[in-house]
Amino acid sequence: MEDLLASDPSNESYENCLELRRFRLCAVLSTLLCFAAWLVAEWEYLTDTLEARVPLERFLPQYNPDAGAWNNPVQVFIKYMAMQAKCPPESTASACLGKLWADHEFREDSEGCGRGEQIASKQRLLRNWIKGVGGRPKLGSVRALTKVVAHQVTKPEEPGFELVAEGYARAFVLLETCRVVQNDMSVAKVPIPMIEEVFSVFQPEYLKASTAIAQSMA
């Protein structure tokens, strides 16, 4: 690396240096995650949802050295939503949320679609999201799910209902994107400590953003 830095910047070896390319990738992704932290803090402040915020830092990609594998942010967050929806502990998150989702659509559907088929379909869709197969989740479907979860947390007629549902949806999208980013970096053979460093920037940047936004609005 020292020889590379001492060489002519126009030298093609800059572009061909794998280590430098990894550093650039991690720098860009860290910057984007910092930007995301500011967007989260701003949204929470403007919507006055700070007290009911989703603790995103708990669900970001984390490496378990004992298991030799990364956690699954989507799986962990779906379990969190199942807990918020008061799903029984003996039921899996996908089974419980899938049934709640299908039941909700059954009640809302004036044409009366088959609830049994819908339950199996929703449960399968959630399992696919957890496994990361069948394509990335569509935003409309994510919002439909989080609205069902919000129904279990608060009442639709209450002022904060839509904000609860949208908060879950935004969290889901961010965490699912983080899973994709972590998987792509792992496939590119970016060292684990460098990947961990990328995701470690979120929490301190979020706290910095929350403090700065609150002070500027005081």
Protein backbone atom coordinates (compact mmCIF):
# COMPACT_ATOMS: atom_id res chain seq x y z
CA MET A 1 0.00 0.00 0.00
CA GLU A 2 2.87 2.43 0.81
CA ASP A 3 4.39 1.80 -2.61
CA LEU A 4 1.03 2.42 -4.23
CA LEU A 5 0.53 5.74 -2.45
CA ALA A 6 4.01 6.85 -3.50
CA SER A 7 3.36 6.08 -7.15
CA ASP A 8 1.93 8.27 -9.92
CA PRO A 9 -1.85 8.79 -9.31
CA SER A 10 -2.47 8.22 -13.01
CA ASN A 11 -1.00 4.76 -12.68
CA GLU A 12 -3.56 2.03 -13.43
CA SER A 13 -2.38 0.18 -10.34
CA TYR A 14 -4.62 2.50 -8.30
CA GLU A 15 -7.74 1.14 -9.94
CA ASN A 16 -6.46 -2.43 -9.83
CA CYS A 17 -5.54 -2.40 -6.15
CA LEU A 18 -8.06 -4.66 -4.40
CA GLU A 19 -7.34 -3.25 -0.95
CA LEU A 20 -7.89 0.32 -2.10
CA ARG A 21 -11.12 -0.64 -3.85
CA ARG A 22 -12.36 -2.23 -0.63
CA PHE A 23 -11.53 0.90 1.35
CA ARG A 24 -13.39 3.05 -1.16
CA LEU A 25 -16.42 0.75 -1.07
CA CYS A 26 -16.55 0.80 2.73
CA ALA A 27 -16.11 4.58 2.80
CA VAL A 28 -19.03 5.09 0.42
CA LEU A 29 -21.29 2.67 2.30
CA SER A 30 -20.39 4.22 5.66
CA THR A 31 -21.29 7.65 4.29
CA LEU A 32 -24.64 6.38 3.02
CA LEU A 33 -25.38 4.78 6.39
CA CYS A 34 -24.53 8.03 8.16
CA PHE A 35 -26.92 9.83 5.82
CA ALA A 36 -29.58 7.22 6.64
CA ALA A 37 -29.03 7.86 10.35
CA TRP A 38 -29.73 11.57 9.85
CA LEU A 39 -32.87 10.80 7.84
CA VAL A 40 -34.12 8.51 10.60
CA ALA A 41 -33.42 11.09 13.31
CA GLU A 42 -35.08 13.86 11.30
CA TRP A 43 -38.19 11.76 10.60
CA GLU A 44 -38.54 10.79 14.26
CA TYR A 45 -38.25 14.41 15.35
CA LEU A 46 -40.65 15.83 12.76
CA THR A 47 -43.26 13.14 13.43
CA ASP A 48 -42.76 13.20 17.21
CA THR A 49 -42.22 9.43 17.32
CA LEU A 50 -38.96 9.44 19.27
CA GLU A 51 -40.46 7.74 22.32
CA ALA A 52 -41.95 4.96 20.18
CA ARG A 53 -38.92 4.63 17.91
CA VAL A 54 -37.79 1.31 16.48
CA PRO A 55 -34.36 0.51 18.01
CA LEU A 56 -32.69 -0.02 14.65
CA GLU A 57 -29.23 -0.48 16.16
CA ARG A 58 -30.43 -3.78 17.64
CA PHE A 59 -31.21 -5.24 14.20
CA LEU A 60 -28.29 -4.14 12.03
CA PRO A 61 -26.01 -6.88 10.62
CA GLN A 62 -23.81 -8.38 13.33
CA TYR A 63 -21.21 -11.08 13.04
CA ASN A 64 -21.27 -13.95 15.54
CA PRO A 65 -17.73 -15.35 15.80
CA ASP A 66 -18.93 -18.40 17.73
CA ALA A 67 -21.38 -19.37 14.98
CA GLY A 68 -19.08 -18.09 12.25
CA ALA A 69 -22.01 -16.36 10.55
CA TRP A 70 -23.86 -13.07 10.27
CA ASN A 71 -27.26 -12.55 11.84
CA ASN A 72 -30.31 -12.03 9.63
CA PRO A 73 -31.66 -8.49 10.19
CA VAL A 74 -34.93 -9.26 8.41
CA GLN A 75 -35.57 -12.36 10.52
CA VAL A 76 -34.72 -10.54 13.75
CA PHE A 77 -36.95 -7.59 12.85
CA ILE A 78 -39.89 -9.78 11.83
CA LYS A 79 -39.58 -11.50 15.22
CA TYR A 80 -39.61 -8.06 16.84
CA MET A 81 -42.79 -7.11 14.98
CA ALA A 82 -44.37 -10.41 16.00
CA MET A 83 -43.58 -9.57 19.61
CA GLN A 84 -45.08 -6.10 19.19
CA ALA A 85 -48.20 -7.73 17.68
CA LYS A 86 -48.45 -9.94 20.78
CA CYS A 87 -47.95 -13.20 18.91
CA PRO A 88 -47.85 -16.24 21.23
CA PRO A 89 -44.30 -17.48 21.95
CA GLU A 90 -45.14 -21.00 20.79
CA SER A 91 -45.88 -19.70 17.27
CA THR A 92 -43.21 -18.74 14.74
CA ALA A 93 -43.15 -15.10 13.69
CA SER A 94 -43.95 -15.93 10.06
CA ALA A 95 -46.85 -18.18 11.03
CA CYS A 96 -48.44 -15.68 13.39
CA LEU A 97 -47.93 -12.55 11.30
CA GLY A 98 -48.97 -14.38 8.15
CA LYS A 99 -52.26 -15.35 9.76
CA LEU A 100 -52.87 -11.84 11.13
CA TRP A 101 -52.11 -10.41 7.69
CA ALA A 102 -54.45 -12.82 5.89
CA ASP A 103 -57.22 -12.34 8.47
CA HIS A 104 -56.95 -8.57 8.09
CA GLU A 105 -57.19 -8.74 4.31
CA PHE A 106 -60.11 -11.18 4.59
CA ARG A 107 -62.03 -8.72 6.77
CA GLU A 108 -61.20 -5.80 4.48
CA ASP A 109 -62.01 -7.65 1.22
CA SER A 110 -65.59 -7.01 0.11
CA GLU A 111 -65.34 -9.87 -2.39
CA GLY A 112 -64.42 -12.34 0.35
CA CYS A 113 -61.27 -14.06 -0.88
CA GLY A 114 -60.44 -17.49 0.53
CA ARG A 115 -58.84 -16.94 3.91
CA GLY A 116 -57.25 -20.38 4.16
CA GLU A 117 -55.33 -19.98 0.93
CA GLN A 118 -54.33 -16.45 1.89
CA ILE A 119 -52.90 -17.58 5.24
CA ALA A 120 -50.60 -20.10 3.58
CA SER A 121 -49.62 -17.54 0.93
CA LYS A 122 -48.76 -14.81 3.43
CA GLN A 123 -46.81 -17.19 5.65
CA ARG A 124 -44.84 -18.44 2.65
CA LEU A 125 -44.12 -14.87 1.57
CA LEU A 126 -42.77 -13.99 5.01
CA ARG A 127 -40.57 -17.09 5.04
CA ASN A 128 -39.23 -16.09 1.62
CA TRP A 129 -38.44 -12.59 2.91
CA ILE A 130 -36.59 -14.10 5.85
CA LYS A 131 -34.58 -16.41 3.58
CA GLY A 132 -33.99 -13.69 1.02
CA VAL A 133 -35.42 -15.71 -1.87
CA GLY A 134 -38.01 -14.89 -4.53
CA GLY A 135 -36.82 -11.34 -5.06
CA ARG A 136 -36.62 -8.39 -2.72
CA PRO A 137 -39.82 -7.41 -0.83
CA LYS A 138 -42.10 -4.96 -2.61
CA LEU A 139 -42.74 -1.75 -0.69
CA GLY A 140 -46.51 -2.09 -1.05
CA SER A 141 -46.43 -5.53 0.55
CA VAL A 142 -44.14 -4.33 3.34
CA ARG A 143 -46.51 -1.46 4.13
CA ALA A 144 -49.49 -3.83 4.08
CA LEU A 145 -47.75 -6.03 6.66
CA THR A 146 -46.67 -3.18 8.92
CA LYS A 147 -50.17 -1.73 8.88
CA VAL A 148 -51.42 -5.07 10.21
CA VAL A 149 -48.79 -4.94 12.97
CA ALA A 150 -49.82 -1.36 13.78
CA HIS A 151 -53.40 -2.59 14.22
CA GLN A 152 -52.16 -4.77 17.07
CA VAL A 153 -50.15 -1.96 18.66
CA THR A 154 -52.62 0.92 18.48
CA LYS A 155 -56.11 1.71 17.23
CA PRO A 156 -56.66 2.91 13.63
CA GLU A 157 -58.63 5.91 14.83
CA GLU A 158 -55.76 7.14 17.01
CA PRO A 159 -53.63 9.98 15.54
CA GLY A 160 -50.37 8.03 15.62
CA PHE A 161 -51.61 4.91 13.85
CA GLU A 162 -50.27 5.74 10.37
CA LEU A 163 -46.95 6.85 11.85
CA VAL A 164 -46.51 3.55 13.70
CA ALA A 165 -47.17 1.60 10.51
CA GLU A 166 -44.87 3.80 8.42
CA GLY A 167 -42.15 3.63 11.07
CA TYR A 168 -42.13 -0.17 10.91
CA ALA A 169 -42.11 -0.07 7.10
CA ARG A 170 -39.16 2.32 6.93
CA ALA A 171 -37.25 0.23 9.44
CA PHE A 172 -37.93 -2.93 7.46
CA VAL A 173 -36.71 -1.38 4.20
CA LEU A 174 -33.51 -0.08 5.81
CA LEU A 175 -32.71 -3.38 7.50
CA GLU A 176 -33.46 -5.45 4.40
CA THR A 177 -31.16 -3.17 2.41
CA CYS A 178 -28.45 -3.56 5.04
CA ARG A 179 -28.75 -7.34 4.71
CA VAL A 180 -28.26 -7.08 0.94
CA VAL A 181 -25.25 -4.80 1.43
CA GLN A 182 -23.68 -7.15 3.97
CA ASN A 183 -24.25 -10.17 1.72
CA ASP A 184 -22.74 -8.37 -1.28
CA MET A 185 -19.67 -7.32 0.72
CA SER A 186 -19.23 -10.87 1.99
CA VAL A 187 -19.46 -12.23 -1.55
CA ALA A 188 -16.84 -9.65 -2.59
CA LYS A 189 -14.64 -11.06 0.19
CA VAL A 190 -14.43 -7.80 2.10
CA PRO A 191 -12.84 -8.70 5.48
CA ILE A 192 -15.32 -9.13 8.33
CA PRO A 193 -13.79 -6.34 10.49
CA MET A 194 -14.24 -3.87 7.62
CA ILE A 195 -17.89 -4.87 7.19
CA GLU A 196 -18.46 -4.53 10.94
CA GLU A 197 -16.89 -1.07 10.83
CA VAL A 198 -19.35 0.04 8.14
CA PHE A 199 -22.40 -0.81 10.25
CA SER A 200 -20.83 0.49 13.47
CA VAL A 201 -21.16 4.08 12.22
CA PHE A 202 -24.96 4.12 12.39
CA GLN A 203 -25.60 4.39 16.13
CA PRO A 204 -23.11 7.18 17.00
CA GLU A 205 -24.17 9.12 13.88
CA TYR A 206 -27.85 8.69 14.82
CA LEU A 207 -27.19 10.01 18.34
CA LYS A 208 -25.21 12.93 16.91
CA ALA A 209 -28.03 13.71 14.48
CA SER A 210 -30.74 13.47 17.16
CA THR A 211 -28.85 15.86 19.43
CA ALA A 212 -28.09 18.33 16.65
CA ILE A 213 -31.66 18.37 15.34
CA ALA A 214 -33.14 18.82 18.80
CA GLN A 215 -30.77 21.69 19.59
CA SER A 216 -31.46 23.43 16.30
CA MET A 217 -35.20 23.29 16.91
CA ALA A 218 -35.00 24.43 20.54
